Amino acid sequence: MTATDLPVGDYFLIPNGVLHFLEPDPGTCSFDISWSGPVTDRSPVTAPDGSAGDLLMCEATMQWSAHTASGFHFETDPNAPTTSVFAQLGRVRNGSF
């Protein structure tokens, strides 16, 4: 999954991110996530009621960057992509869509 220059807002603090006391600092983020094997688990989705699907437990590596209008910048090391502790990939149907 890849996104480039996705518009995001930096809300500075978790309470502001939830309650929106202050306007966010506009920014963008870009990421690239790659899922790979081995598949260590295959699980059906059964909850909440009315949901169905399958989830695969596997590995993922990702690269991430973010920039805000006020100058904040974060970027993972492009020479050492971040590896997740676990990753799930799947398809879920909840009956609403």
Protein backbone atom coordinates (compact mmCIF):
# COMPACT_ATOMS: atom_id res chain seq x y z
CA MET A 1 0.00 0.00 0.00
CA THR A 2 1.46 3.32 -1.00
CA ALA A 3 0.38 6.92 -0.49
CA THR A 4 2.25 10.07 -1.44
CA ASP A 5 1.65 13.55 -0.01
CA LEU A 6 -1.53 12.51 1.79
CA PRO A 7 -3.02 15.59 3.57
CA VAL A 8 -2.98 15.22 7.37
CA GLY A 9 -3.26 17.49 10.40
CA ASP A 10 -0.82 17.54 13.32
CA TYR A 11 -2.90 18.10 16.46
CA PHE A 12 0.21 18.40 18.71
CA LEU A 13 -1.21 16.51 21.72
CA ILE A 14 -3.52 13.51 22.14
CA PRO A 15 -6.27 15.52 23.97
CA ASN A 16 -6.30 18.04 21.12
CA GLY A 17 -6.41 15.21 18.58
CA VAL A 18 -9.54 13.85 20.28
CA LEU A 19 -11.32 17.07 21.29
CA HIS A 20 -9.92 19.55 18.71
CA PHE A 21 -9.31 22.51 21.05
CA LEU A 22 -6.79 24.00 18.59
CA GLU A 23 -6.63 23.97 14.81
CA PRO A 24 -4.20 21.35 13.48
CA ASP A 25 -0.95 22.25 11.77
CA PRO A 26 -1.52 21.21 8.13
CA GLY A 27 0.88 18.67 6.76
CA THR A 28 1.40 15.71 4.48
CA CYS A 29 2.57 12.15 4.92
CA SER A 30 3.85 9.51 2.56
CA PHE A 31 4.22 5.80 3.23
CA ASP A 32 4.98 2.50 1.57
CA ILE A 33 3.93 -0.75 3.28
CA SER A 34 4.79 -4.19 1.94
CA TRP A 35 3.29 -7.35 3.43
CA SER A 36 5.22 -10.61 3.04
CA GLY A 37 5.27 -14.22 4.20
CA PRO A 38 5.43 -16.50 5.84
CA VAL A 39 1.77 -16.56 6.81
CA THR A 40 1.79 -17.64 10.45
CA ASP A 41 -1.97 -17.72 11.05
CA ARG A 42 -5.24 -17.71 9.13
CA SER A 43 -8.23 -16.59 11.17
CA PRO A 44 -11.87 -16.09 10.26
CA VAL A 45 -13.53 -12.85 11.35
CA THR A 46 -16.62 -13.59 13.43
CA ALA A 47 -17.03 -10.51 15.63
CA PRO A 48 -18.78 -8.16 15.89
CA ASP A 49 -22.02 -9.89 14.95
CA GLY A 50 -22.75 -9.61 11.24
CA SER A 51 -19.08 -9.41 10.26
CA ALA A 52 -17.31 -12.00 8.14
CA GLY A 53 -13.95 -12.33 6.46
CA ASP A 54 -10.47 -13.76 6.69
CA LEU A 55 -7.29 -12.33 8.23
CA LEU A 56 -3.74 -13.47 7.54
CA MET A 57 -1.01 -12.91 10.13
CA CYS A 58 2.29 -12.16 8.37
CA GLU A 59 5.19 -9.70 8.32
CA ALA A 60 5.37 -6.17 6.97
CA THR A 61 8.02 -3.57 6.29
CA MET A 62 7.26 0.09 5.94
CA GLN A 63 8.78 3.44 5.16
CA TRP A 64 7.14 6.63 6.41
CA SER A 65 7.65 10.37 6.20
CA ALA A 66 5.67 13.37 7.43
CA HIS A 67 6.05 17.13 7.05
CA THR A 68 4.04 19.97 8.61
CA ALA A 69 3.66 23.61 7.62
CA SER A 70 5.50 24.70 10.80
CA GLY A 71 8.61 22.76 9.76
CA PHE A 72 8.28 19.46 11.64
CA HIS A 73 9.77 16.59 9.65
CA PHE A 74 9.99 12.87 10.39
CA GLU A 75 11.31 10.15 8.13
CA THR A 76 12.23 6.51 8.64
CA ASP A 77 15.73 5.52 7.58
CA PRO A 78 15.42 4.75 3.83
CA ASN A 79 18.31 2.27 4.15
CA ALA A 80 16.66 0.32 7.00
CA PRO A 81 12.87 0.07 6.58
CA THR A 82 10.90 -0.46 9.76
CA THR A 83 9.73 -4.03 10.38
CA SER A 84 6.49 -4.60 12.28
CA VAL A 85 6.10 -6.82 15.33
CA PHE A 86 3.09 -8.34 13.55
CA ALA A 87 0.95 -7.52 10.55
CA GLN A 88 -2.52 -8.59 9.50
CA LEU A 89 -3.84 -8.48 6.01
CA GLY A 90 -7.36 -9.42 5.12
CA ARG A 91 -10.80 -8.70 3.86
CA VAL A 92 -13.70 -8.01 6.21
CA ARG A 93 -17.39 -7.52 5.43
CA ASN A 94 -19.59 -5.93 8.06
CA GLY A 95 -22.89 -5.73 6.21
CA SER A 96 -23.01 -1.92 6.28
CA PHE A 97 -21.50 -1.36 2.85
